[in-house]
C-alpha atoms as a PDB file:
ATOM      1  CA  MET A   1      83.659 255.249  90.561  1.00  0.00           C
ATOM      2  CA  LYS A   2      85.113 252.433  92.387  1.00  0.00           C
ATOM      3  CA  SER A   3      84.920 248.863  93.891  1.00  0.00           C
ATOM      4  CA  VAL A   4      84.950 248.713  97.550  1.00  0.00           C
ATOM      5  CA  ARG A   5      85.438 245.696  99.811  1.00  0.00           C
ATOM      6  CA  ARG A   6      83.885 245.881 102.927  1.00  0.00           C
ATOM      7  CA  LYS A   7      83.081 243.184 105.463  1.00  0.00           C
ATOM      8  CA  GLY A   8      82.956 240.272 102.736  1.00  0.00           C
ATOM      9  CA  PHE A   9      80.915 242.541 100.830  1.00  0.00           C
ATOM     10  CA  LEU A  10      81.891 244.371  97.316  1.00  0.00           C
ATOM     11  CA  TYR A  11      79.444 247.221  96.075  1.00  0.00           C
ATOM     12  CA  GLU A  12      80.294 249.690  94.382  1.00  0.00           C
ATOM     13  CA  THR A  13      79.888 253.547  94.523  1.00  0.00           C
ATOM     14  CA  GLY A  14      79.393 256.785  92.359  1.00  0.00           C
ATOM     15  CA  PRO A  15      76.325 259.070  90.772  1.00  0.00           C
ATOM     16  CA  ASN A  16      72.929 256.905  90.892  1.00  0.00           C
ATOM     17  CA  SER A  17      70.273 257.794  88.741  1.00  0.00           C
ATOM     18  CA  ALA A  18      66.738 256.454  87.470  1.00  0.00           C
ATOM     19  CA  LEU A  19      64.308 256.270  85.033  1.00  0.00           C
ATOM     20  CA  GLU A  20      60.814 256.455  85.855  1.00  0.00           C
ATOM     21  CA  THR A  21      59.605 254.017  83.836  1.00  0.00           C
ATOM     22  CA  THR A  22      56.800 252.949  87.040  1.00  0.00           C
ATOM     23  CA  PRO A  23      54.618 255.486  89.664  1.00  0.00           C
ATOM     24  CA  LEU A  24      56.307 253.332  91.938  1.00  0.00           C
ATOM     25  CA  PHE A  25      59.301 254.739  91.776  1.00  0.00           C
ATOM     26  CA  LYS A  26      57.905 257.949  92.747  1.00  0.00           C
ATOM     27  CA  GLU A  27      55.990 256.406  95.792  1.00  0.00           C
ATOM     28  CA  LEU A  28      59.057 254.917  96.786  1.00  0.00           C
ATOM     29  CA  VAL A  29      60.896 257.900  96.352  1.00  0.00           C
ATOM     30  CA  ALA A  30      58.258 259.445  98.219  1.00  0.00           C
ATOM     31  CA  ASP A  31      58.231 256.918 100.778  1.00  0.00           C
ATOM     32  CA  LEU A  32      61.790 257.319 101.301  1.00  0.00           C
ATOM     33  CA  GLY A  33      61.161 261.401 102.589  1.00  0.00           C
ATOM     34  CA  LEU A  34      63.054 261.789  99.483  1.00  0.00           C
ATOM     35  CA  GLU A  35      61.630 263.917  96.649  1.00  0.00           C
ATOM     36  CA  SER A  36      63.232 267.176  97.805  1.00  0.00           C
ATOM     37  CA  GLU A  37      66.959 265.444  96.778  1.00  0.00           C
ATOM     38  CA  MET A  38      65.190 264.306  93.564  1.00  0.00           C
ATOM     39  CA  VAL A  39      66.747 265.995  90.397  1.00  0.00           C
ATOM     40  CA  TYR A  40      65.642 266.503  86.686  1.00  0.00           C
ATOM     41  CA  ALA A  41      67.679 266.354  83.737  1.00  0.00           C
ATOM     42  CA  ASP A  42      66.946 269.000  81.311  1.00  0.00           C
ATOM     43  CA  PRO A  43      65.828 267.385  78.033  1.00  0.00           C
ATOM     44  CA  VAL A  44      68.606 269.621  76.284  1.00  0.00           C
ATOM     45  CA  GLY A  45      70.890 266.614  77.822  1.00  0.00           C
ATOM     46  CA  LYS A  46      69.499 263.803  75.611  1.00  0.00           C
ATOM     47  CA  ASN A  47      72.735 264.997  72.702  1.00  0.00           C
ATOM     48  CA  ARG A  48      75.598 263.610  74.252  1.00  0.00           C
ATOM     49  CA  PHE A  49      78.980 264.654  73.026  1.00  0.00           C
ATOM     50  CA  ILE A  50      82.357 263.224  73.647  1.00  0.00           C
ATOM     51  CA  LEU A  51      85.970 265.703  73.131  1.00  0.00           C
ATOM     52  CA  ARG A  52      88.568 262.830  71.816  1.00  0.00           C
ATOM     53  CA  ASP A  53      92.183 264.093  70.536  1.00  0.00           C
ATOM     54  CA  GLY A  54      90.652 267.111  70.784  1.00  0.00           C
ATOM     55  CA  ARG A  55      87.601 266.619  68.814  1.00  0.00           C
ATOM     56  CA  LEU A  56      84.056 266.867  70.004  1.00  0.00           C
ATOM     57  CA  MET A  57      82.255 263.629  68.831  1.00  0.00           C
ATOM     58  CA  ALA A  58      78.363 262.485  68.839  1.00  0.00           C
ATOM     59  CA  LEU A  59      78.184 259.456  71.011  1.00  0.00           C
ATOM     60  CA  PRO A  60      76.588 257.223  69.585  1.00  0.00           C
ATOM     61  CA  MET A  61      72.767 256.638  70.170  1.00  0.00           C
ATOM     62  CA  GLY A  62      71.425 254.092  67.738  1.00  0.00           C
ATOM     63  CA  PRO A  63      72.535 251.110  66.451  1.00  0.00           C
ATOM     64  CA  GLY A  64      73.276 252.745  63.140  1.00  0.00           C
ATOM     65  CA  ALA A  65      75.279 255.967  64.607  1.00  0.00           C
ATOM     66  CA  PHE A  66      77.249 252.745  66.628  1.00  0.00           C
ATOM     67  CA  ILE A  67      78.031 251.436  63.285  1.00  0.00           C
ATOM     68  CA  ARG A  68      79.492 254.190  61.847  1.00  0.00           C
ATOM     69  CA  THR A  69      81.440 256.365  64.844  1.00  0.00           C
ATOM     70  CA  PRO A  70      84.967 256.908  64.917  1.00  0.00           C
ATOM     71  CA  LEU A  71      84.887 256.400  69.094  1.00  0.00           C
ATOM     72  CA  PHE A  72      85.472 252.531  68.876  1.00  0.00           C
ATOM     73  CA  SER A  73      87.817 250.728  66.848  1.00  0.00           C
ATOM     74  CA  TRP A  74      86.314 247.477  64.878  1.00  0.00           C
ATOM     75  CA  LYS A  75      87.227 244.741  67.127  1.00  0.00           C
ATOM     76  CA  ALA A  76      85.609 246.909  70.530  1.00  0.00           C
ATOM     77  CA  LYS A  77      82.323 246.839  67.800  1.00  0.00           C
ATOM     78  CA  PHE A  78      82.867 243.271  67.090  1.00  0.00           C
ATOM     79  CA  ARG A  79      83.809 242.312  70.266  1.00  0.00           C
ATOM     80  CA  LEU A  80      80.469 244.615  71.393  1.00  0.00           C
ATOM     81  CA  MET A  81      78.794 242.013  68.629  1.00  0.00           C
ATOM     82  CA  ALA A  82      79.764 238.991  70.217  1.00  0.00           C
ATOM     83  CA  GLU A  83      78.398 239.948  73.681  1.00  0.00           C
ATOM     84  CA  PRO A  84      74.714 237.484  74.051  1.00  0.00           C
ATOM     85  CA  PHE A  85      77.518 234.505  73.953  1.00  0.00           C
ATOM     86  CA  ILE A  86      79.721 235.439  76.286  1.00  0.00           C
ATOM     87  CA  GLY A  87      79.330 233.518  79.494  1.00  0.00           C
ATOM     88  CA  ARG A  88      78.841 233.671  83.352  1.00  0.00           C
ATOM     89  CA  ALA A  89      81.527 234.778  85.340  1.00  0.00           C
ATOM     90  CA  GLU A  90      83.064 231.848  87.771  1.00  0.00           C
ATOM     91  CA  LYS A  91      83.754 233.937  90.437  1.00  0.00           C
ATOM     92  CA  GLU A  92      82.257 237.124  91.685  1.00  0.00           C
ATOM     93  CA  GLU A  93      83.725 240.228  89.979  1.00  0.00           C
ATOM     94  CA  SER A  94      82.858 244.181  90.294  1.00  0.00           C
ATOM     95  CA  ILE A  95      81.138 246.161  87.599  1.00  0.00           C
ATOM     96  CA  ALA A  96      85.020 246.800  86.242  1.00  0.00           C
ATOM     97  CA  GLU A  97      85.174 243.302  85.962  1.00  0.00           C
ATOM     98  CA  PHE A  98      82.040 242.585  84.314  1.00  0.00           C
ATOM     99  CA  VAL A  99      82.691 245.377  81.625  1.00  0.00           C
ATOM    100  CA  THR A 100      85.834 244.222  80.593  1.00  0.00           C
ATOM    101  CA  ARG A 101      85.114 240.305  80.386  1.00  0.00           C
ATOM    102  CA  ARG A 102      81.075 241.177  78.792  1.00  0.00           C
ATOM    103  CA  ILE A 103      82.452 243.652  76.261  1.00  0.00           C
ATOM    104  CA  GLY A 104      85.825 244.032  76.412  1.00  0.00           C
ATOM    105  CA  SER A 105      88.347 246.785  77.912  1.00  0.00           C
ATOM    106  CA  GLU A 106      88.117 249.309  75.127  1.00  0.00           C
ATOM    107  CA  PHE A 107      84.819 249.755  76.665  1.00  0.00           C
ATOM    108  CA  LEU A 108      85.887 250.619  80.138  1.00  0.00           C
ATOM    109  CA  ASP A 109      89.066 252.428  79.736  1.00  0.00           C
ATOM    110  CA  TYR A 110      85.592 254.556  77.040  1.00  0.00           C
ATOM    111  CA  ALA A 111      83.384 254.572  79.986  1.00  0.00           C
ATOM    112  CA  THR A 112      85.109 255.453  83.002  1.00  0.00           C
ATOM    113  CA  THR A 113      86.822 258.489  81.248  1.00  0.00           C
ATOM    114  CA  LEU A 114      84.669 259.770  78.984  1.00  0.00           C
ATOM    115  CA  LYS A 115      84.189 263.524  78.944  1.00  0.00           C
ATOM    116  CA  LEU A 116      80.186 264.011  78.926  1.00  0.00           C
ATOM    117  CA  ILE A 117      80.421 267.383  78.039  1.00  0.00           C
ATOM    118  CA  GLU A 118      76.446 268.205  77.193  1.00  0.00           C
ATOM    119  CA  LEU A 119      76.063 266.971  81.356  1.00  0.00           C
ATOM    120  CA  GLY A 120      76.256 270.613  82.374  1.00  0.00           C
ATOM    121  CA  LYS A 121      73.277 271.853  80.183  1.00  0.00           C
ATOM    122  CA  MET A 122      71.310 269.049  82.258  1.00  0.00           C
ATOM    123  CA  PHE A 123      71.749 270.259  85.104  1.00  0.00           C
ATOM    124  CA  PRO A 124      71.644 274.493  84.800  1.00  0.00           C
ATOM    125  CA  GLY A 125      73.712 276.589  87.025  1.00  0.00           C
ATOM    126  CA  LYS A 126      74.162 273.755  89.607  1.00  0.00           C
ATOM    127  CA  GLY A 127      77.306 272.442  87.236  1.00  0.00           C
ATOM    128  CA  LEU A 128      77.544 268.906  87.385  1.00  0.00           C
ATOM    129  CA  ALA A 129      78.329 268.170  91.021  1.00  0.00           C
ATOM    130  CA  PRO A 130      74.736 266.684  91.384  1.00  0.00           C
ATOM    131  CA  CYS A 131      75.460 264.444  89.026  1.00  0.00           C
ATOM    132  CA  LEU A 132      78.987 263.379  89.448  1.00  0.00           C
ATOM    133  CA  GLY A 133      79.064 263.114  93.091  1.00  0.00           C
ATOM    134  CA  HIS A 134      82.317 263.040  94.950  1.00  0.00           C
ATOM    135  CA  ASN A 135      83.988 260.492  93.638  1.00  0.00           C
ATOM    136  CA  VAL A 136      84.385 260.015  89.527  1.00  0.00           C
ATOM    137  CA  PRO A 137      87.961 259.946  88.198  1.00  0.00           C
ATOM    138  CA  THR A 138      89.621 262.670  86.110  1.00  0.00           C
ATOM    139  CA  GLY A 139      91.198 260.156  84.319  1.00  0.00           C
ATOM    140  CA  PRO A 140      93.294 256.968  83.472  1.00  0.00           C
ATOM    141  CA  GLY A 141      94.915 256.486  87.072  1.00  0.00           C
ATOM    142  CA  ASP A 142      93.154 258.368  88.427  1.00  0.00           C
ATOM    143  CA  SER A 143      92.475 257.808  92.605  1.00  0.00           C
ATOM    144  CA  GLN A 144      90.514 259.918  94.211  1.00  0.00           C
ATOM    145  CA  PRO A 145      88.021 259.074  97.297  1.00  0.00           C
END
Protein backbone atom coordinates (compact mmCIF):
# COMPACT_ATOMS: atom_id res chain seq x y z
CA MET A 1 0.00 0.00 0.00
CA LYS A 2 1.16 3.49 -0.65
CA SER A 3 -0.09 7.03 -1.17
CA VAL A 4 0.29 8.57 -4.62
CA ARG A 5 -0.02 12.24 -5.61
CA ARG A 6 -0.75 12.74 -9.29
CA LYS A 7 -2.25 15.69 -11.19
CA GLY A 8 -3.46 17.33 -8.00
CA PHE A 9 -5.10 14.20 -6.57
CA LEU A 10 -4.08 12.03 -3.63
CA TYR A 11 -5.03 8.34 -3.78
CA GLU A 12 -4.07 5.05 -2.17
CA THR A 13 -3.01 1.85 -3.94
CA GLY A 14 -3.17 -1.70 -2.70
CA PRO A 15 -5.42 -4.75 -2.42
CA ASN A 16 -9.17 -4.29 -2.48
CA SER A 17 -11.90 -6.18 -0.72
CA ALA A 18 -15.56 -5.59 0.01
CA LEU A 19 -18.45 -7.11 1.89
CA GLU A 20 -21.56 -8.02 -0.04
CA THR A 21 -23.98 -6.35 2.33
CA THR A 22 -26.55 -5.72 -0.40
CA PRO A 23 -27.59 -7.41 -3.66
CA LEU A 24 -26.70 -4.13 -5.36
CA PHE A 25 -23.02 -4.96 -4.92
CA LYS A 26 -23.30 -8.09 -7.08
CA GLU A 27 -25.37 -6.11 -9.58
CA LEU A 28 -22.65 -3.45 -9.81
CA VAL A 29 -19.96 -6.08 -10.36
CA ALA A 30 -22.10 -7.69 -13.10
CA ASP A 31 -22.75 -4.31 -14.76
CA LEU A 32 -18.99 -3.71 -14.85
CA GLY A 33 -18.37 -7.17 -16.34
CA LEU A 34 -16.12 -8.19 -13.45
CA GLU A 35 -17.84 -11.39 -12.25
CA SER A 36 -14.91 -13.54 -13.38
CA GLU A 37 -12.54 -11.39 -11.27
CA MET A 38 -14.41 -12.03 -8.01
CA VAL A 39 -12.56 -14.24 -5.51
CA TYR A 40 -14.41 -15.31 -2.37
CA ALA A 41 -12.64 -16.05 0.89
CA ASP A 42 -12.73 -19.54 2.33
CA PRO A 43 -14.63 -19.43 5.68
CA VAL A 44 -11.58 -20.92 7.43
CA GLY A 45 -9.90 -17.56 6.76
CA LYS A 46 -11.98 -15.83 9.44
CA ASN A 47 -9.33 -16.80 11.99
CA ARG A 48 -6.33 -14.53 11.55
CA PHE A 49 -2.94 -14.72 13.19
CA ILE A 50 0.10 -12.49 13.40
CA LEU A 51 3.66 -13.73 13.68
CA ARG A 52 5.37 -11.45 16.19
CA ASP A 53 8.70 -12.03 17.88
CA GLY A 54 8.69 -15.59 16.54
CA ARG A 55 5.30 -16.39 18.14
CA LEU A 56 1.97 -16.93 16.44
CA MET A 57 -0.66 -14.70 18.08
CA ALA A 58 -4.39 -14.57 17.41
CA LEU A 59 -5.60 -11.28 15.98
CA PRO A 60 -8.19 -10.01 18.48
CA MET A 61 -11.65 -10.16 16.92
CA GLY A 62 -13.70 -8.60 19.74
CA PRO A 63 -13.46 -6.02 22.53
CA GLY A 64 -12.56 -8.53 25.26
CA ALA A 65 -9.88 -10.17 23.14
CA PHE A 66 -8.53 -6.72 22.21
CA ILE A 67 -8.14 -5.70 25.87
CA ARG A 68 -6.33 -8.97 26.70
CA THR A 69 -4.07 -9.17 23.64
CA PRO A 70 -0.33 -8.64 24.09
CA LEU A 71 -0.13 -7.36 20.49
CA PHE A 72 -0.66 -3.73 21.49
CA SER A 73 0.66 -1.68 24.39
CA TRP A 74 -1.69 -0.25 27.01
CA LYS A 75 -0.83 3.21 25.69
CA ALA A 76 -2.04 2.17 22.21
CA LYS A 77 -5.22 0.64 23.64
CA PHE A 78 -6.06 3.84 25.53
CA ARG A 79 -5.24 5.90 22.43
CA LEU A 80 -7.75 3.82 20.45
CA MET A 81 -10.44 4.47 23.09
CA ALA A 82 -9.84 8.22 22.65
CA GLU A 83 -10.46 8.02 18.90
CA PRO A 84 -14.10 9.24 18.99
CA PHE A 85 -12.87 12.50 20.51
CA ILE A 86 -10.24 13.26 17.84
CA GLY A 87 -11.31 16.13 15.57
CA ARG A 88 -11.21 16.44 11.80
CA ALA A 89 -7.97 16.99 9.94
CA GLU A 90 -7.03 20.55 9.04
CA LYS A 91 -5.49 19.47 5.71
CA GLU A 92 -5.77 16.69 3.16
CA GLU A 93 -4.07 13.58 4.50
CA SER A 94 -3.03 10.14 3.33
CA ILE A 95 -4.49 7.00 4.89
CA ALA A 96 -1.25 6.61 6.89
CA GLU A 97 -1.56 10.15 8.24
CA PHE A 98 -5.25 9.59 9.03
CA VAL A 99 -4.58 6.35 10.94
CA THR A 100 -1.68 7.89 12.87
CA ARG A 101 -3.69 10.99 13.80
CA ARG A 102 -6.84 9.07 14.77
CA ILE A 103 -5.49 5.95 16.51
CA GLY A 104 -1.71 6.31 16.70
CA SER A 105 1.44 5.12 15.00
CA GLU A 106 1.53 1.77 16.81
CA PHE A 107 -1.58 0.62 14.94
CA LEU A 108 -0.24 1.92 11.64
CA ASP A 109 3.04 0.07 12.19
CA TYR A 110 1.20 -3.21 12.81
CA ALA A 111 -1.25 -2.67 9.97
CA THR A 112 1.52 -2.20 7.42
CA THR A 113 3.77 -5.05 8.58
CA LEU A 114 1.27 -7.74 9.59
CA LYS A 115 1.94 -11.29 8.57
CA LEU A 116 -1.57 -12.71 8.18
CA ILE A 117 -0.74 -16.42 8.35
CA GLU A 118 -4.27 -17.64 7.64
CA LEU A 119 -4.64 -15.48 4.53
CA GLY A 120 -3.25 -18.26 2.35
CA LYS A 121 -6.06 -20.55 3.48
CA MET A 122 -8.59 -18.06 2.14
CA PHE A 123 -7.33 -18.68 -1.40
CA PRO A 124 -6.41 -22.39 -1.53
CA GLY A 125 -4.11 -23.28 -4.40
CA LYS A 126 -3.66 -19.66 -5.45
CA GLY A 127 -1.23 -18.39 -2.86
CA LEU A 128 -1.45 -14.83 -1.63
CA ALA A 129 -1.15 -13.04 -4.98
CA PRO A 130 -4.91 -12.59 -5.61
CA CYS A 131 -5.41 -10.67 -2.39
CA LEU A 132 -2.06 -8.95 -1.88
CA GLY A 133 -1.38 -7.60 -5.35
CA HIS A 134 2.03 -6.18 -6.15
CA ASN A 135 2.16 -3.12 -3.89
CA VAL A 136 2.37 -4.79 -0.48
CA PRO A 137 5.32 -3.69 1.66
CA THR A 138 7.36 -6.52 3.11
CA GLY A 139 8.47 -4.57 6.14
CA PRO A 140 9.33 -1.14 7.53
CA GLY A 141 11.06 1.09 5.02
CA ASP A 142 10.12 -1.08 2.04
CA SER A 143 9.63 1.07 -1.04
CA GLN A 144 8.16 -1.44 -3.46
CA PRO A 145 6.42 0.29 -6.38
